[in-house]
């Protein structure tokens, strides 16, 4: 049978390494949270722009529904006489 194991003792440098890793993780999480907040704000702005564009498109389609196709504008081109 195996001899009973003694609990592993953490050395000072192990604790320092773990502490530094936790600090790095906290820093990364903080940066990610800031980026996420910025992305949410940008997303909200984009939704506002999209709503405004949709409203404008609905308004334009209602305004132009009676005139489904653009009416061509008559063009008159005056040519100068080459006889002069």
Protein backbone atom coordinates (compact mmCIF):
# COMPACT_ATOMS: atom_id res chain seq x y z
CA UNK A 1 0.00 0.00 0.00
CA UNK A 2 1.03 3.53 -0.56
CA UNK A 3 2.21 5.59 2.33
CA UNK A 4 -0.25 8.27 3.41
CA UNK A 5 0.40 11.52 1.56
CA UNK A 6 1.25 14.64 3.42
CA UNK A 7 -0.46 17.83 2.32
CA UNK A 8 1.57 19.78 -0.19
CA UNK A 9 2.99 22.97 1.17
CA UNK A 10 2.98 25.95 -1.15
CA UNK A 11 6.22 27.76 -1.37
CA UNK A 12 6.48 31.53 -1.24
CA UNK A 13 7.29 31.75 -4.97
CA UNK A 14 4.26 29.59 -5.79
CA UNK A 15 2.03 31.95 -3.85
CA UNK A 16 3.61 34.93 -5.60
CA UNK A 17 3.02 33.33 -9.00
CA UNK A 18 -0.62 32.55 -8.17
CA UNK A 19 -1.10 36.08 -6.90
CA UNK A 20 0.38 37.59 -10.07
CA UNK A 21 -1.81 35.36 -12.25
CA UNK A 22 -4.91 36.43 -10.34
CA UNK A 23 -3.90 40.08 -10.77
CA UNK A 24 -3.49 39.57 -14.54
CA UNK A 25 -6.87 37.88 -14.78
CA UNK A 26 -8.52 40.71 -12.84
CA UNK A 27 -6.87 43.27 -15.14
CA UNK A 28 -8.02 41.41 -18.25
CA UNK A 29 -11.57 41.08 -16.92
CA UNK A 30 -11.66 44.78 -16.15
CA UNK A 31 -10.51 45.64 -19.68
CA UNK A 32 -13.07 43.24 -21.16
CA UNK A 33 -15.84 44.79 -19.07
CA UNK A 34 -14.89 48.27 -20.32
CA UNK A 35 -14.87 47.08 -23.94
CA UNK A 36 -18.20 45.34 -23.49
CA UNK A 37 -19.72 48.53 -22.09
CA UNK A 38 -18.39 50.53 -25.05
CA UNK A 39 -19.78 47.94 -27.46
CA UNK A 40 -23.19 48.06 -25.77
CA UNK A 41 -23.25 51.85 -26.09
CA UNK A 42 -22.30 51.63 -29.77
CA UNK A 43 -24.96 48.94 -30.28
CA UNK A 44 -27.60 51.17 -28.69
CA UNK A 45 -26.57 54.09 -30.94
CA UNK A 46 -26.75 51.84 -34.00
CA UNK A 47 -30.23 50.67 -33.00
CA UNK A 48 -31.30 54.31 -32.77
CA UNK A 49 -29.90 55.03 -36.23
CA UNK A 50 -31.63 51.95 -37.64
CA UNK A 51 -34.97 52.97 -36.11
CA UNK A 52 -34.62 56.45 -37.61
CA UNK A 53 -33.77 55.02 -41.04
CA UNK A 54 -36.68 52.59 -40.88
CA UNK A 55 -39.05 55.42 -39.96
CA UNK A 56 -37.73 57.51 -42.84
CA UNK A 57 -38.09 54.57 -45.24
CA UNK A 58 -41.70 54.00 -44.11
CA UNK A 59 -42.45 57.70 -44.54
CA UNK A 60 -40.86 57.75 -48.00
CA UNK A 61 -42.69 54.59 -49.07
CA UNK A 62 -46.03 56.02 -47.90
CA UNK A 63 -45.32 59.29 -49.64
CA UNK A 64 -44.29 57.56 -52.85
CA UNK A 65 -46.85 54.74 -52.81
CA UNK A 66 -49.20 56.61 -55.13
CA UNK A 67 -46.33 57.15 -57.53
CA UNK A 68 -44.84 53.70 -57.70
CA UNK A 69 -42.48 54.40 -60.56
CA UNK A 70 -40.51 57.56 -61.04
CA UNK A 71 -41.94 59.63 -63.84
CA UNK A 72 -39.36 60.50 -66.45
CA UNK A 73 -38.78 64.20 -66.83
CA UNK A 74 -38.89 65.40 -70.41
CA UNK A 75 -35.55 66.65 -71.62
CA UNK A 76 -35.18 69.23 -74.32
CA UNK A 77 -31.77 69.55 -75.89
CA UNK A 78 -31.17 72.59 -78.02
CA UNK A 79 -28.50 72.13 -80.62
CA UNK A 80 -26.72 75.08 -82.09
CA UNK A 81 -26.76 75.41 -85.77
CA UNK A 82 -23.54 74.47 -87.46
CA UNK A 83 -24.30 76.86 -90.32
CA UNK A 84 -22.94 79.93 -88.52
